[in-house]
Amino acid sequence: MMFNLRNKVAVVTGARRGMGRSHALALAGQGAKVVITDIDLVQCEQVAGEVRAAGGEAACFKLDVANKADVNNVFDQIIAKYARLDILVNNAGIYEPHPFLEMTEDEWDRTIDINLKGEFLCAQRAAKEMAKNKWGRIINIASIASGGVGVGIEGGVHYTASKGGIIGMSETLAVELAAHGITVNVIGPGAIDTPMAGAEKMPKEALDAMLAGVPMKRMGRPEEVSAAVVFLASDEASYVTGATLYVDGGWLAA
């Protein structure tokens, strides 16, 4: 079976809903033992229930990715339970738009802390565990709105800065961690229909205007991003590192 993740231990951050939930279910579907983390433990347990109902194995931990002590504590518990860590999907993130000229320092810091520093903290701790077995997969979730490709988001200067930082960070981590058997890649989703930024949250005019620039003329589904996660987590992606895979319905090509 291709993309076989049996006996692998995978951590997914921000996994209580949306793309994170989808990633957790997809990894479990390929045989991985999935650790579901988020700030809301109740909703994490609901996702874990879905995994178990489908015959998979799951554990849940409440995690604030921006808090180093919390990250270390949770990863300690994960290692105590499974004695290894193979896959990290750095999915946790927020999008809280504010006009640039009115944005406060606290608003900037909150987004950078969760979206960028959180991925750094989790990747650093995960890599230390993965290096022990000379095998690991770090998959960082960014966005097509990440600089260099001509997609800015009005009101999202902190968000786009964080996502661009993720790509730059990941390219460097790929270079540094290759010797440890760890690959580091990025997925840049386009317009994906999720609770955080789904179609139902957008005025019809705004949605139509956005989709006019997408050749496929629709929003993507979380499962379509999760397929890329499964690939990058697998042995089949063993020679892929430092790459950014855009899952955007052709938005950047248009």
Protein backbone atom coordinates (compact mmCIF):
# COMPACT_ATOMS: atom_id res chain seq x y z
CA MET A 1 0.00 0.00 0.00
CA MET A 2 1.34 3.40 -0.91
CA PHE A 3 1.38 6.11 1.76
CA ASN A 4 1.40 3.50 4.51
CA LEU A 5 1.78 5.23 7.88
CA ARG A 6 1.18 2.21 10.10
CA ASN A 7 2.93 2.46 13.48
CA LYS A 8 3.92 6.07 12.84
CA VAL A 9 3.06 8.60 15.56
CA ALA A 10 1.70 11.87 14.18
CA VAL A 11 0.98 15.11 16.02
CA VAL A 12 -1.46 17.58 14.48
CA THR A 13 -1.80 21.04 16.03
CA GLY A 14 -4.99 23.04 15.73
CA ALA A 15 -6.84 19.80 15.05
CA ARG A 16 -10.23 20.44 16.65
CA ARG A 17 -11.91 21.53 13.41
CA GLY A 18 -11.39 22.50 9.78
CA MET A 19 -8.20 21.46 8.05
CA GLY A 20 -6.57 20.21 11.26
CA ARG A 21 -9.42 17.78 11.89
CA SER A 22 -9.25 16.64 8.29
CA HIS A 23 -5.48 16.09 8.51
CA ALA A 24 -5.87 14.02 11.68
CA LEU A 25 -8.55 11.81 10.10
CA ALA A 26 -6.52 11.36 6.92
CA LEU A 27 -3.33 10.37 8.75
CA ALA A 28 -5.26 7.94 10.93
CA GLY A 29 -6.86 6.51 7.81
CA GLN A 30 -3.39 5.53 6.59
CA GLY A 31 -2.61 3.80 9.87
CA ALA A 32 -0.88 6.51 11.92
CA LYS A 33 -1.44 6.88 15.64
CA VAL A 34 -2.70 10.45 15.78
CA VAL A 35 -2.21 12.95 18.59
CA ILE A 36 -4.83 15.68 18.33
CA THR A 37 -3.94 18.99 19.98
CA ASP A 38 -5.70 22.32 20.27
CA ILE A 39 -6.71 24.92 22.82
CA ASP A 40 -10.17 23.34 23.15
CA LEU A 41 -9.84 19.85 24.64
CA VAL A 42 -13.55 19.04 24.39
CA GLN A 43 -13.56 19.51 20.62
CA CYS A 44 -10.29 17.57 20.35
CA GLU A 45 -11.97 14.63 22.05
CA GLN A 46 -14.78 14.77 19.52
CA VAL A 47 -12.28 14.42 16.68
CA ALA A 48 -10.54 11.61 18.53
CA GLY A 49 -13.90 9.91 18.77
CA GLU A 50 -14.24 10.11 14.99
CA VAL A 51 -10.81 8.55 14.57
CA ARG A 52 -11.62 5.70 16.95
CA ALA A 53 -15.02 5.11 15.37
CA ALA A 54 -13.21 4.54 12.07
CA GLY A 55 -10.92 2.01 13.71
CA GLY A 56 -7.95 4.29 14.34
CA GLU A 57 -5.93 5.20 17.43
CA ALA A 58 -5.96 8.74 18.82
CA ALA A 59 -4.94 10.73 21.87
CA CYS A 60 -5.77 14.33 22.82
CA PHE A 61 -3.88 17.10 24.57
CA LYS A 62 -4.74 20.72 25.26
CA LEU A 63 -1.95 22.82 23.75
CA ASP A 64 -1.11 26.50 23.43
CA VAL A 65 1.51 26.39 20.67
CA ALA A 66 2.77 29.89 21.53
CA ASN A 67 3.78 28.84 25.06
CA LYS A 68 7.12 27.03 25.18
CA ALA A 69 6.50 25.48 28.60
CA ASP A 70 3.16 24.15 27.38
CA VAL A 71 4.74 22.75 24.21
CA ASN A 72 7.45 20.96 26.18
CA ASN A 73 4.96 19.59 28.70
CA VAL A 74 2.64 18.20 26.02
CA PHE A 75 5.46 16.70 23.96
CA ASP A 76 6.84 15.12 27.14
CA GLN A 77 3.46 13.43 27.63
CA ILE A 78 3.35 12.30 24.01
CA ILE A 79 6.80 10.70 24.28
CA ALA A 80 5.87 9.11 27.61
CA LYS A 81 2.83 7.53 25.94
CA TYR A 82 4.29 6.46 22.58
CA ALA A 83 8.09 6.55 23.12
CA ARG A 84 8.57 8.14 19.69
CA LEU A 85 7.40 10.89 17.35
CA ASP A 86 7.49 10.58 13.57
CA ILE A 87 5.25 13.21 11.98
CA LEU A 88 4.36 16.78 12.91
CA VAL A 89 1.68 18.75 11.11
CA ASN A 90 2.02 22.38 12.22
CA ASN A 91 -1.53 23.45 11.45
CA ALA A 92 -2.52 25.71 14.36
CA GLY A 93 -3.14 29.29 13.29
CA ILE A 94 -5.46 32.27 13.52
CA TYR A 95 -6.74 34.90 11.14
CA GLU A 96 -8.05 38.03 12.84
CA PRO A 97 -8.11 40.84 10.26
CA HIS A 98 -7.38 44.44 11.25
CA PRO A 99 -6.54 47.45 9.05
CA PHE A 100 -2.78 48.05 8.99
CA LEU A 101 -2.98 51.69 10.08
CA GLU A 102 -5.10 50.75 13.08
CA MET A 103 -3.38 47.51 14.08
CA THR A 104 -2.07 47.41 17.63
CA GLU A 105 1.18 45.85 18.72
CA ASP A 106 -0.78 43.29 20.74
CA GLU A 107 -2.79 42.28 17.66
CA TRP A 108 0.42 41.88 15.66
CA ASP A 109 2.13 39.89 18.43
CA ARG A 110 -0.81 37.53 18.95
CA THR A 111 -0.86 36.44 15.31
CA ILE A 112 2.92 36.14 14.99
CA ASP A 113 3.15 34.24 18.29
CA ILE A 114 0.55 31.64 17.33
CA ASN A 115 1.15 31.33 13.58
CA LEU A 116 4.93 31.61 13.38
CA LYS A 117 6.51 31.19 16.80
CA GLY A 118 4.13 28.32 17.51
CA GLU A 119 5.34 26.44 14.45
CA PHE A 120 8.96 27.12 15.42
CA LEU A 121 8.49 25.84 18.98
CA CYS A 122 6.66 22.67 17.92
CA ALA A 123 9.07 21.96 15.05
CA GLN A 124 12.11 22.40 17.29
CA ARG A 125 10.83 20.03 19.96
CA ALA A 126 9.55 17.51 17.42
CA ALA A 127 12.84 17.49 15.52
CA LYS A 128 14.77 16.68 18.69
CA GLU A 129 12.63 13.56 19.10
CA MET A 130 12.68 12.60 15.40
CA ALA A 131 16.46 12.88 15.26
CA LYS A 132 16.74 10.02 17.77
CA ASN A 133 15.32 7.64 15.14
CA LYS A 134 16.87 9.37 12.09
CA TRP A 135 13.41 9.66 10.51
CA GLY A 136 10.88 12.45 10.62
CA ARG A 137 8.38 14.49 8.68
CA ILE A 138 7.61 18.11 9.54
CA ILE A 139 4.78 19.61 7.51
CA ASN A 140 4.17 23.31 8.07
CA ILE A 141 0.93 24.88 6.92
CA ALA A 142 1.32 28.33 5.36
CA SER A 143 -0.88 29.98 2.71
CA ILE A 144 -0.80 31.29 -0.82
CA ALA A 145 -0.82 34.69 0.94
CA SER A 146 2.80 34.41 2.01
CA GLY A 147 4.82 36.83 -0.08
CA GLY A 148 6.60 36.52 -3.39
CA VAL A 149 3.58 35.24 -5.31
CA GLY A 150 1.46 38.39 -5.52
CA VAL A 151 -1.34 37.54 -3.11
CA GLY A 152 -1.89 40.07 -0.33
CA ILE A 153 -4.88 40.17 1.99
CA GLU A 154 -6.29 43.53 3.00
CA GLY A 155 -6.36 43.62 6.80
CA GLY A 156 -4.03 40.65 7.06
CA VAL A 157 -0.54 42.13 7.28
CA HIS A 158 0.24 40.14 10.44
CA TYR A 159 -1.19 36.96 8.92
CA THR A 160 0.70 37.21 5.63
CA ALA A 161 3.92 38.11 7.46
CA SER A 162 3.54 35.01 9.62
CA LYS A 163 2.86 32.75 6.64
CA GLY A 164 5.81 34.12 4.67
CA GLY A 165 7.96 33.55 7.72
CA ILE A 166 6.86 29.92 7.81
CA ILE A 167 8.14 29.32 4.28
CA GLY A 168 11.49 30.99 4.97
CA MET A 169 11.86 29.09 8.23
CA SER A 170 10.98 25.78 6.60
CA GLU A 171 13.54 26.12 3.82
CA THR A 172 16.27 26.66 6.40
CA LEU A 173 15.03 23.79 8.58
CA ALA A 174 15.09 21.49 5.55
CA VAL A 175 18.79 22.24 5.11
CA GLU A 176 19.66 21.85 8.78
CA LEU A 177 17.63 18.73 9.46
CA ALA A 178 18.40 16.69 6.34
CA ALA A 179 21.39 15.10 8.05
CA HIS A 180 19.04 13.85 10.77
CA GLY A 181 16.74 12.07 8.33
CA ILE A 182 14.02 14.68 8.73
CA THR A 183 12.22 16.33 5.84
CA VAL A 184 10.56 19.72 6.21
CA ASN A 185 7.97 20.90 3.75
CA VAL A 186 5.22 23.49 3.46
CA ILE A 187 1.68 23.33 2.18
CA GLY A 188 0.21 26.61 0.97
CA PRO A 189 -3.57 26.27 0.78
CA GLY A 190 -5.60 28.64 -1.34
CA ALA A 191 -9.27 29.31 -0.67
CA ILE A 192 -10.36 26.36 1.47
CA ASP A 193 -13.88 26.04 2.87
CA THR A 194 -13.24 25.86 6.64
CA PRO A 195 -14.89 27.28 9.77
CA MET A 196 -12.13 29.95 10.01
CA ALA A 197 -12.40 31.28 6.48
CA GLY A 198 -15.24 29.47 4.78
CA ALA A 199 -17.78 30.47 2.18
CA GLU A 200 -20.51 31.08 4.73
CA LYS A 201 -18.42 33.77 6.43
CA MET A 202 -17.90 35.77 3.23
CA PRO A 203 -20.33 38.18 1.58
CA LYS A 204 -21.45 36.74 -1.76
CA GLU A 205 -19.84 39.61 -3.68
CA ALA A 206 -16.48 38.99 -2.01
CA LEU A 207 -16.73 35.25 -2.58
CA ASP A 208 -17.62 35.68 -6.24
CA ALA A 209 -14.77 38.14 -6.74
CA MET A 210 -12.28 35.74 -5.18
CA LEU A 211 -13.48 32.70 -7.12
CA ALA A 212 -13.30 34.68 -10.35
CA GLY A 213 -9.52 34.43 -10.01
CA VAL A 214 -9.55 30.68 -9.34
CA PRO A 215 -9.58 28.58 -12.53
CA MET A 216 -11.53 25.79 -10.83
CA LYS A 217 -14.21 28.33 -9.79
CA ARG A 218 -14.75 26.84 -6.36
CA MET A 219 -13.26 26.70 -2.89
CA GLY A 220 -11.18 23.70 -1.99
CA ARG A 221 -12.19 21.09 0.55
CA PRO A 222 -10.05 20.38 3.63
CA GLU A 223 -9.68 16.78 2.44
CA GLU A 224 -7.94 18.02 -0.70
CA VAL A 225 -5.24 19.60 1.44
CA SER A 226 -5.04 16.53 3.67
CA ALA A 227 -4.12 14.39 0.66
CA ALA A 228 -0.99 16.50 0.29
CA VAL A 229 -0.29 16.10 4.02
CA VAL A 230 -0.48 12.31 3.73
CA PHE A 231 1.90 12.32 0.76
CA LEU A 232 4.49 14.51 2.47
CA ALA A 233 4.24 12.38 5.64
CA SER A 234 4.96 9.16 3.76
CA ASP A 235 8.03 7.27 2.62
CA GLU A 236 7.00 8.06 -0.94
CA ALA A 237 8.02 11.69 -0.27
CA SER A 238 11.48 10.71 1.00
CA TYR A 239 13.31 12.93 -1.53
CA VAL A 240 11.04 15.95 -1.09
CA THR A 241 12.27 18.56 1.37
CA GLY A 242 12.35 22.34 1.49
CA ALA A 243 9.41 22.48 -0.92
CA THR A 244 6.19 24.49 -0.83
CA LEU A 245 3.23 22.70 -2.34
CA TYR A 246 0.37 25.04 -3.22
CA VAL A 247 -3.11 23.52 -3.11
CA ASP A 248 -5.10 26.37 -4.61
CA GLY A 249 -7.22 25.29 -7.56
CA GLY A 250 -4.84 27.09 -9.92
CA TRP A 251 -5.08 30.51 -8.24
CA LEU A 252 -1.36 31.25 -8.52
CA ALA A 253 -1.18 29.99 -12.10
CA ALA A 254 -3.99 32.25 -13.31
